[in-house]
Protein backbone atom coordinates (compact mmCIF):
# COMPACT_ATOMS: atom_id res chain seq x y z
CA MET A 1 43.92 41.78 -25.44
CA LYS A 2 44.82 38.90 -23.04
CA ASP A 3 44.06 41.26 -19.96
CA ASP A 4 40.64 42.05 -21.70
CA ASP A 5 39.87 38.17 -22.10
CA GLU A 6 40.20 37.69 -18.25
CA SER A 7 38.52 40.40 -17.10
CA ASN A 8 35.31 39.27 -19.47
CA ARG A 9 36.19 35.59 -17.78
CA LYS A 10 36.32 36.94 -15.14
CA ALA A 11 32.77 39.30 -14.91
CA THR A 12 30.76 35.94 -16.26
CA LYS A 13 32.25 33.84 -13.43
CA ALA A 14 30.76 37.16 -11.17
CA ILE A 15 27.58 36.57 -13.65
CA TYR A 16 27.10 33.11 -12.59
CA ILE A 17 28.66 32.21 -9.76
CA GLY A 18 27.77 34.98 -7.65
CA PRO A 19 24.03 33.92 -7.33
CA ILE A 20 24.77 30.88 -6.57
CA PHE A 21 26.14 31.76 -3.14
CA HIS A 22 23.46 34.27 -2.93
CA ILE A 23 20.62 32.18 -3.52
CA SER A 24 22.69 29.38 -1.29
CA THR A 25 21.23 31.19 1.68
CA GLN A 26 18.03 30.21 0.83
CA GLY A 27 18.73 26.57 0.50
CA CYS A 28 20.46 27.25 4.28
CA GLU A 29 16.78 27.58 5.60
CA TRP A 30 15.74 23.79 4.25
CA TYR A 31 18.56 22.57 5.77
CA SER A 32 18.16 24.37 8.96
CA LEU A 33 14.50 23.33 9.20
CA MET A 34 15.70 20.05 7.93
CA LEU A 35 17.92 19.46 10.90
CA ALA A 36 14.95 21.02 13.35
CA SER A 37 12.91 18.42 12.15
CA LEU A 38 15.41 15.59 12.12
CA ARG A 39 16.35 16.95 16.16
CA ASP A 40 12.87 17.20 16.88
CA LEU A 41 12.33 13.77 15.83
CA SER A 42 15.31 12.15 17.81
CA ARG A 43 14.68 13.82 21.25
CA ARG A 44 11.34 11.87 21.37
CA THR A 45 11.39 8.53 22.23
CA TRP A 46 9.84 6.11 19.49
CA ARG A 47 6.24 5.19 21.28
CA SER A 48 5.22 1.24 21.33
CA ARG A 49 2.94 0.28 18.59
CA ASP A 50 -0.05 0.75 20.90
CA GLY A 51 1.09 4.35 20.95
CA GLY A 52 1.16 4.60 17.07
CA ALA A 53 -1.79 2.86 16.38
CA GLN A 54 -3.54 5.61 18.94
CA ASN A 55 -1.45 8.46 16.98
CA LEU A 56 -3.28 6.49 13.62
CA THR A 57 -6.45 6.39 15.05
CA ALA A 58 -6.20 10.20 16.01
CA GLU A 59 -5.04 11.40 12.10
CA LYS A 60 -8.38 9.24 11.26
CA SER A 61 -10.53 10.98 14.03
CA GLU A 62 -9.87 14.54 12.25
CA ILE A 63 -11.08 13.26 8.64
CA GLY A 64 -14.05 11.77 10.52
CA ARG A 65 -14.64 15.06 11.94
CA GLY A 66 -15.12 16.56 8.66
CA LEU A 67 -11.98 17.86 8.13
CA SER A 68 -10.29 18.02 4.39
CA SER A 69 -8.83 14.69 4.11
CA ASP A 70 -6.53 15.92 1.68
CA ASP A 71 -4.12 18.27 4.13
CA ARG A 72 -5.00 17.02 6.91
CA ILE A 73 -2.96 13.56 7.17
CA GLY A 74 0.26 14.44 7.28
CA PHE A 75 2.48 11.70 6.16
CA LEU A 76 0.53 12.12 2.56
CA ASP A 77 1.98 15.36 2.19
CA GLY A 78 5.43 14.33 2.78
CA MET A 79 4.99 11.56 0.06
CA ARG A 80 3.93 14.17 -2.34
CA GLY A 81 6.68 16.89 -1.55
CA TRP A 82 9.71 14.12 -1.35
CA ALA A 83 8.52 12.70 -4.60
CA ALA A 84 8.24 15.90 -6.21
CA VAL A 85 11.96 16.29 -4.93
CA VAL A 86 13.27 13.11 -6.62
CA VAL A 87 11.37 14.39 -9.71
CA VAL A 88 13.59 17.69 -9.89
CA LEU A 89 16.75 15.54 -9.18
CA TYR A 90 15.63 13.02 -11.86
CA HIS A 91 15.70 15.82 -14.77
CA VAL A 92 18.77 17.60 -12.84
CA TYR A 93 21.33 14.68 -12.89
CA CYS A 94 19.46 12.31 -15.61
CA GLY A 95 17.59 13.77 -18.04
CA GLY A 96 18.47 17.18 -18.34
CA PHE A 97 22.18 17.51 -16.94
CA PRO A 98 23.70 14.11 -16.82
CA PHE A 99 27.11 14.39 -15.95
CA SER A 100 27.67 11.71 -18.17
CA GLU A 101 25.35 8.74 -19.63
CA ARG A 102 26.99 6.00 -17.90
CA PHE A 103 26.34 8.47 -14.42
CA ALA A 104 22.75 8.72 -15.61
CA VAL A 105 22.15 5.50 -16.19
CA VAL A 106 23.79 4.33 -12.52
CA LEU A 107 21.67 6.80 -10.82
CA VAL A 108 18.32 6.64 -12.05
CA ALA A 109 18.25 2.99 -10.98
CA LEU A 110 18.99 4.53 -7.16
CA PRO A 111 15.44 5.46 -5.50
CA PRO A 112 16.54 9.37 -5.01
CA PHE A 113 16.72 9.74 -8.73
CA ASN A 114 14.17 7.37 -10.18
CA GLY A 115 11.65 9.87 -12.00
CA GLY A 116 9.48 6.95 -12.54
CA LEU A 117 9.06 5.54 -9.41
CA ALA A 118 7.72 9.09 -7.55
CA VAL A 119 5.31 9.82 -10.99
CA GLY A 120 3.77 6.46 -9.44
CA ILE A 121 3.66 6.92 -5.91
CA PHE A 122 1.99 10.53 -7.40
CA PHE A 123 -0.69 8.73 -8.83
CA LEU A 124 -1.41 6.02 -5.87
CA VAL A 125 -0.98 9.36 -3.29
CA SER A 126 -3.89 10.79 -5.21
CA GLY A 127 -6.17 7.68 -5.29
CA PHE A 128 -5.69 7.84 -1.93
CA ALA A 129 -6.42 11.58 -0.72
CA LEU A 130 -8.96 11.50 -3.29
CA SER A 131 -11.30 8.86 -2.01
CA ILE A 132 -10.65 9.40 1.92
CA ALA A 133 -13.60 11.71 2.87
CA PHE A 134 -15.64 9.59 1.24
CA GLN A 135 -14.34 6.27 2.59
CA THR A 136 -15.33 8.01 6.49
CA THR A 137 -18.10 8.97 5.99
CA GLY A 138 -19.81 7.10 2.93
CA SER A 139 -21.44 10.46 1.78
CA GLY A 140 -21.49 10.68 -2.10
CA ALA A 141 -21.27 14.71 -1.71
CA SER A 142 -17.56 14.31 -1.14
CA LEU A 143 -17.72 12.68 -4.88
CA VAL A 144 -19.37 15.05 -6.50
CA ARG A 145 -16.99 17.89 -4.72
CA ILE A 146 -14.39 16.02 -6.55
CA ALA A 147 -15.85 16.18 -10.01
CA ALA A 148 -16.98 19.59 -9.63
CA GLY A 149 -13.43 21.27 -8.96
CA ARG A 150 -10.79 18.97 -10.28
CA TYR A 151 -10.70 20.77 -13.35
CA VAL A 152 -9.85 24.36 -11.60
CA ARG A 153 -7.72 22.44 -8.99
CA LEU A 154 -5.27 21.31 -11.53
CA ALA A 155 -5.76 24.25 -14.42
CA VAL A 156 -5.08 27.26 -12.15
CA PRO A 157 -1.35 26.32 -11.63
CA ILE A 158 -0.69 24.98 -14.84
CA PHE A 159 -1.43 28.15 -16.86
CA VAL A 160 0.12 30.50 -14.38
CA ALA A 161 3.27 28.29 -14.58
CA CYS A 162 2.77 27.74 -18.93
CA ALA A 163 2.18 31.86 -18.59
CA ILE A 164 5.46 32.42 -16.55
CA MET A 165 7.26 30.28 -19.52
CA HIS A 166 5.44 32.22 -21.93
CA ALA A 167 7.00 35.30 -20.88
CA PHE A 168 10.64 33.96 -21.19
CA LEU A 169 10.06 32.78 -24.50
CA VAL A 170 8.18 36.10 -25.69
CA ALA A 171 10.83 38.49 -24.09
CA GLY A 172 13.94 36.23 -25.89
CA ILE A 173 15.25 34.76 -23.00
CA VAL A 174 15.10 31.23 -23.69
CA ASP A 175 17.35 31.00 -26.94
CA ILE A 176 15.35 27.53 -28.10
CA SER A 177 18.17 27.05 -31.01
CA ALA A 178 20.91 26.87 -27.84
CA LEU A 179 18.96 24.45 -25.91
CA PRO A 180 20.63 20.97 -25.54
CA ARG A 181 20.28 17.58 -26.82
CA LYS A 182 18.49 16.46 -23.66
CA PHE A 183 15.46 19.61 -24.58
CA ASP A 184 15.28 18.28 -28.42
CA GLY A 185 11.63 18.80 -29.34
CA MET A 186 10.30 21.36 -26.97
CA PHE A 187 8.99 24.76 -27.58
CA GLU A 188 7.99 23.76 -31.26
CA PHE A 189 5.41 26.52 -31.54
CA ARG A 190 4.97 30.40 -31.55
CA PRO A 191 4.03 31.73 -28.53
CA THR A 192 1.19 33.34 -28.90
CA ILE A 193 -1.85 34.26 -25.82
CA GLU A 194 -3.67 31.85 -28.35
CA HIS A 195 -1.70 28.99 -27.94
CA LEU A 196 -0.76 29.71 -24.29
CA LEU A 197 -5.20 29.18 -23.24
CA ARG A 198 -5.40 26.23 -25.51
CA ALA A 199 -1.82 24.38 -24.27
CA SER A 200 -2.36 24.97 -20.70
CA LEU A 201 -6.23 24.60 -20.01
CA PHE A 202 -7.19 22.31 -22.71
CA GLU A 203 -4.12 20.49 -24.85
CA SER A 204 -2.24 19.84 -20.97
CA PHE A 205 -5.75 17.77 -19.87
CA PHE A 206 -6.88 16.12 -23.00
CA SER A 207 -4.69 16.19 -26.40
CA TYR A 208 -1.21 16.36 -24.56
CA SER A 209 2.54 17.00 -26.83
CA TYR A 210 5.37 17.44 -25.83
CA SER A 211 6.64 19.42 -28.60
CA THR A 212 3.40 22.22 -28.45
CA SER A 213 3.21 22.49 -24.00
CA TYR A 214 5.49 24.76 -22.42
CA ILE A 215 5.95 22.68 -19.51
CA GLY A 216 7.31 18.97 -20.72
CA PRO A 217 6.06 17.22 -17.35
CA LEU A 218 2.82 17.93 -18.33
CA TRP A 219 2.44 14.65 -19.86
CA THR A 220 1.47 13.56 -16.31
CA ILE A 221 -1.74 15.43 -16.13
CA PRO A 222 -3.95 14.02 -18.40
CA ILE A 223 -3.18 10.77 -16.71
CA GLU A 224 -3.76 12.52 -13.24
CA PHE A 225 -7.04 14.12 -14.78
CA ALA A 226 -8.38 10.83 -16.34
CA GLY A 227 -7.27 9.00 -12.69
CA SER A 228 -9.19 11.26 -10.51
CA PHE A 229 -12.67 10.08 -12.34
CA LEU A 230 -11.58 6.34 -11.96
CA VAL A 231 -11.33 6.87 -8.65
CA ILE A 232 -14.92 8.53 -8.38
CA ALA A 233 -16.25 5.68 -10.86
CA VAL A 234 -13.86 2.80 -8.11
CA LEU A 235 -15.61 4.12 -5.27
CA LEU A 236 -19.29 4.41 -6.30
CA ALA A 237 -18.95 0.60 -7.70
CA GLY A 238 -17.97 -0.57 -4.14
CA TRP A 239 -20.68 1.83 -2.59
CA LYS A 240 -22.33 -0.97 -0.86
CA ARG A 241 -20.61 -2.74 1.47
CA SER A 242 -21.07 -5.85 0.10
CA LEU A 243 -19.80 -5.27 -2.78
CA THR A 244 -16.84 -2.84 -1.93
CA TRP A 245 -13.82 -5.41 -2.06
CA PRO A 246 -14.98 -7.53 -4.64
CA ALA A 247 -15.25 -4.35 -6.93
CA TYR A 248 -12.05 -2.87 -5.93
CA ALA A 249 -9.98 -6.73 -6.44
CA SER A 250 -11.80 -6.87 -10.21
CA ILE A 251 -10.66 -3.44 -11.27
CA PHE A 252 -7.53 -3.82 -9.92
CA ALA A 253 -6.66 -7.00 -11.42
CA LEU A 254 -8.38 -5.43 -14.67
CA PHE A 255 -5.57 -2.56 -15.25
CA LEU A 256 -2.99 -4.32 -13.45
CA TYR A 257 -3.24 -7.17 -16.44
CA MET A 258 -3.14 -4.42 -18.97
CA GLU A 259 0.23 -2.68 -17.06
CA SER A 260 -2.03 0.61 -16.98
CA VAL A 261 -0.39 3.49 -15.02
CA TYR A 262 -4.11 3.71 -14.03
CA THR A 263 -3.48 1.05 -11.54
CA LEU A 264 -1.89 2.72 -8.94
CA PHE A 265 -4.67 5.09 -8.56
CA VAL A 266 -6.97 1.95 -7.86
CA ALA A 267 -4.28 0.64 -5.60
CA GLY A 268 -4.10 4.08 -3.74
CA VAL A 269 -8.42 3.69 -3.19
CA MET A 270 -8.12 0.33 -1.69
CA LEU A 271 -4.80 1.39 0.46
CA CYS A 272 -7.16 4.01 1.85
CA ARG A 273 -9.59 1.37 2.45
CA LEU A 274 -7.29 -0.83 4.63
CA TYR A 275 -6.08 2.89 6.49
CA CYS A 276 -9.72 3.66 7.04
CA ASN A 277 -10.81 0.15 7.88
CA GLY A 278 -7.83 0.34 11.06
CA CYS A 279 -5.66 -2.17 9.15
CA PHE A 280 -2.94 -0.52 9.70
CA ASP A 281 -3.38 -0.20 13.74
CA ARG A 282 -2.25 -3.75 13.73
CA PRO A 283 1.18 -4.87 15.10
CA VAL A 284 1.81 -7.50 12.44
CA VAL A 285 1.03 -4.96 9.56
CA ALA A 286 3.84 -2.53 11.59
CA LYS A 287 6.51 -5.15 11.05
CA LEU A 288 5.43 -5.91 7.32
CA GLY A 289 6.03 -1.92 6.29
CA PRO A 290 10.02 -2.49 6.34
CA ILE A 291 10.34 -5.45 4.35
CA ALA A 292 7.70 -3.84 2.03
CA ILE A 293 9.74 -0.90 1.84
CA MET A 294 13.09 -2.62 0.96
CA VAL A 295 10.49 -4.98 -2.03
CA GLY A 296 9.73 -2.01 -3.33
CA ILE A 297 12.75 -0.42 -3.01
CA ALA A 298 14.49 -3.18 -5.21
CA ILE A 299 11.64 -4.10 -7.82
CA SER A 300 11.79 -0.66 -8.41
CA MET A 301 15.40 -0.67 -9.36
CA VAL A 302 14.79 -3.96 -11.78
CA PRO A 303 15.22 -2.64 -15.64
CA PRO A 304 13.28 -1.54 -17.74
CA LEU A 305 12.74 1.39 -15.25
CA ASP A 306 9.49 2.07 -17.00
CA PHE A 307 5.57 1.78 -16.14
CA ASN A 308 5.66 -1.85 -16.43
CA PHE A 309 4.51 -4.76 -13.33
CA GLN A 310 8.08 -3.85 -11.52
CA LEU A 311 7.57 -0.29 -11.50
CA LEU A 312 3.68 -0.99 -10.02
CA PHE A 313 4.52 -3.16 -8.02
CA GLY A 314 7.43 -1.09 -6.58
CA ALA A 315 5.58 1.90 -6.11
CA MET A 316 2.93 0.13 -4.33
CA LEU A 317 4.85 -2.16 -1.95
CA LEU A 318 6.90 1.13 -0.98
CA SER A 319 3.87 3.06 -0.36
CA PHE A 320 2.52 0.37 1.73
CA GLY A 321 5.26 0.09 3.39
CA VAL A 322 5.77 3.78 4.48
CA ILE A 323 2.23 3.41 5.59
CA ALA A 324 2.27 0.66 7.57
CA THR A 325 5.44 1.56 9.34
CA PRO A 326 4.66 4.59 12.10
CA ALA A 327 8.63 5.40 12.42
CA THR A 328 8.80 6.50 8.24
CA ARG A 329 5.11 8.12 8.81
CA LYS A 330 5.78 10.16 11.70
CA LEU A 331 9.23 11.40 9.58
CA LEU A 332 6.65 12.03 6.48
CA SER A 333 4.47 14.09 8.86
CA ALA A 334 7.29 16.47 10.36
CA PRO A 335 7.33 20.07 9.30
CA LEU A 336 9.90 20.03 6.04
CA SER A 337 8.03 17.10 4.64
CA ARG A 338 4.69 18.96 5.31
CA ARG A 339 6.18 22.03 3.87
CA LEU A 340 7.45 20.23 0.99
CA GLY A 341 4.23 18.89 0.29
CA ASP A 342 2.60 22.08 0.44
CA TRP A 343 5.08 22.91 -2.50
CA SER A 344 4.69 19.43 -4.27
CA PHE A 345 3.04 20.62 -7.47
CA PRO A 346 4.31 24.28 -7.51
CA ILE A 347 7.69 22.57 -7.63
CA TYR A 348 6.44 20.14 -9.83
CA LEU A 349 4.99 22.45 -12.24
CA MET A 350 8.57 25.09 -11.98
CA HIS A 351 10.93 22.98 -11.92
CA THR A 352 10.97 22.88 -15.55
CA VAL A 353 11.01 26.60 -16.34
CA THR A 354 13.76 26.89 -13.93
CA LEU A 355 16.34 24.28 -15.60
CA VAL A 356 15.45 25.92 -18.96
CA VAL A 357 15.53 29.67 -17.73
CA ILE A 358 18.45 29.24 -15.40
CA GLY A 359 20.01 25.81 -16.02
CA VAL A 360 20.75 25.36 -19.18
CA PRO A 361 23.13 29.34 -19.35
CA ILE A 362 24.66 28.21 -15.86
CA MET A 363 25.54 24.29 -17.45
CA ARG A 364 26.61 25.91 -20.44
CA PHE A 365 28.82 28.24 -18.80
CA VAL A 366 30.49 25.21 -16.63
CA GLN A 367 30.68 23.18 -19.31
CA ALA A 368 32.84 25.81 -21.33
CA SER A 369 34.70 26.96 -18.02
CA TYR A 370 35.20 24.18 -16.13
CA PRO A 371 35.25 20.68 -18.65
CA GLY A 372 35.03 17.73 -16.86
CA SER A 373 35.19 18.95 -12.95
CA LEU A 374 33.12 17.19 -11.09
CA SER A 375 33.32 19.73 -8.20
CA ALA A 376 31.93 22.55 -10.71
CA TYR A 377 29.42 20.22 -11.69
CA LEU A 378 28.02 19.25 -8.25
CA LEU A 379 28.45 23.04 -6.95
CA ALA A 380 26.11 24.14 -10.40
CA THR A 381 23.45 21.17 -9.84
CA VAL A 382 23.25 21.47 -6.42
CA PHE A 383 22.49 24.89 -7.06
CA LEU A 384 19.59 24.08 -9.81
CA VAL A 385 18.04 21.99 -7.28
CA LEU A 386 17.83 24.55 -4.53
CA ALA A 387 16.22 27.36 -7.29
CA SER A 388 14.08 24.66 -8.80
CA ILE A 389 12.51 24.37 -5.00
CA GLY A 390 12.83 28.03 -4.29
CA SER A 391 10.42 28.77 -7.91
CA ALA A 392 7.86 27.08 -6.18
CA ALA A 393 6.82 29.86 -4.41
CA LEU A 394 6.12 32.33 -7.69
CA LEU A 395 3.49 29.24 -7.95
CA ILE A 396 2.27 28.92 -4.53
CA PRO A 397 -0.34 32.37 -4.19
CA SER A 398 -2.20 31.12 -7.57
CA ASN A 399 -1.88 27.08 -6.15
CA HIS A 400 -4.08 28.23 -2.87
CA LEU A 401 -6.31 30.00 -5.01
CA ALA A 402 -6.77 26.75 -7.20
CA ILE A 403 -7.44 25.31 -3.89
CA VAL A 404 -10.13 27.48 -2.77
CA TRP A 405 -11.30 27.92 -6.28
CA SER A 406 -12.15 24.49 -6.41
CA ARG A 407 -13.48 23.75 -3.01
CA HIS A 408 -16.15 26.30 -3.69
CA LEU A 409 -17.03 24.93 -6.88
CA GLY A 410 -17.54 21.58 -5.40
CA ARG A 411 -19.71 23.32 -2.21
CA LEU A 412 -21.96 24.65 -5.47
CA ALA A 413 -22.20 21.91 -6.97
CA ASP A 414 -23.32 19.98 -3.79
CA THR A 415 -25.53 22.41 -2.87
CA ALA A 416 -27.03 22.00 -6.71
CA GLN A 417 -27.66 18.29 -6.51
CA ARG A 418 -28.89 17.98 -3.06
CA THR A 419 -31.48 20.89 -4.15
CA LEU A 420 -32.16 18.51 -7.04
CA ARG A 421 -32.48 15.88 -5.34
CA ALA A 422 -34.88 16.57 -2.41
CA ARG A 423 -37.10 18.19 -5.20
CA PHE A 424 -37.13 15.21 -8.07
CA TRP A 425 -36.24 12.15 -5.54
CA PRO A 426 -36.85 13.32 -1.53
CA LYS A 427 -36.67 9.30 -0.34
CA GLY A 428 -33.61 8.87 -2.33
CA ALA A 429 -31.44 12.04 -1.11
CA ALA A 430 -31.85 10.65 2.25
CA GLU A 431 -30.66 7.01 1.22
CA THR A 432 -27.76 8.01 -0.62
CA ASP A 433 -26.52 10.77 2.25
CA ALA A 434 -26.50 7.90 4.71
CA CYS A 435 -23.28 6.22 5.88
CA LYS A 436 -22.40 3.02 4.86
């Protein structure tokens, strides 16, 4: 009997530990890419401040030539990508599987594990990225395209991610009754096709509920969706050059007074305006960048870690500092950062699926077989982080499809509004298409 128990224990270890070493080879590829990026950066001599300004001007000229603003500015991709990694780290080490409660309280205050700060940066980057086409061209067509395509851009990957979790639930792979206390309140529904469609395509945007959602972090989607239209409203309010900054400042002050998370979308619009006006080309701004980064990090570590003044200002100052500092812009434009940026939304959606489907049984095994072992805990959690990032590959095709479809809808909507204006208001059509 003792021999049988020992054999079962070894077999169980093989089931759980074996995949760790197998999938860790995937992590080695990411590690190699990171080293290559850092080597590339170290071999280059940092250019002078004038060189940094030329690089920034070149980036903006790409947008001015009509290229897609959302995926042409490298540092925006990098900011999104590393923010997604921080969210994963937060959910692994603080939210889902902390080594201890005391351990989690200490970690969550540190920037690499501060999930709230990362989400705040997500919102600010959205405001920046959604407004840059309008800021550089002054054409209302870009706003029409955003309004027409935004739902599809978000809904397609969300539906696919929810469908993957739905399949695991229907197949009985996820034992809801055995989920740890940290996952209490999840999956309080019967997984049916009707619920899948309602939860992913409607509730995720308009009436999110943690208990009926397939993916917990979808709480940010109603904010992201509404924030996209807030960006459009802010840009329209400041359409005339003489009203731009008074309108931006008034709306920003209003949301900041309410301590609203939507302040970050307005801040993104304002930072984008400064960027397009050449503010970040100035040497004095580059000197302020590192100071803003340090102050932003310090403020974001002040409890309580919620969307209050501290976290809002922390996210804004940190983002300002990153954009203002040539070194951080270059680092965030490196190949690894750009790749993470391309995968940021799939990572955000799929990491919860990975933690529930793979993470729960692995951590249960680690706690039962190696109680109190920090090395076993770190080995398992590092694997979960890599697996969470790697699982985003399942969503890449649908994410790219969403981009294509949203742009197509945007072009159709732009063509339709141009046709209508040309027919019913030909003079106004020419005026509103003009640049600022």
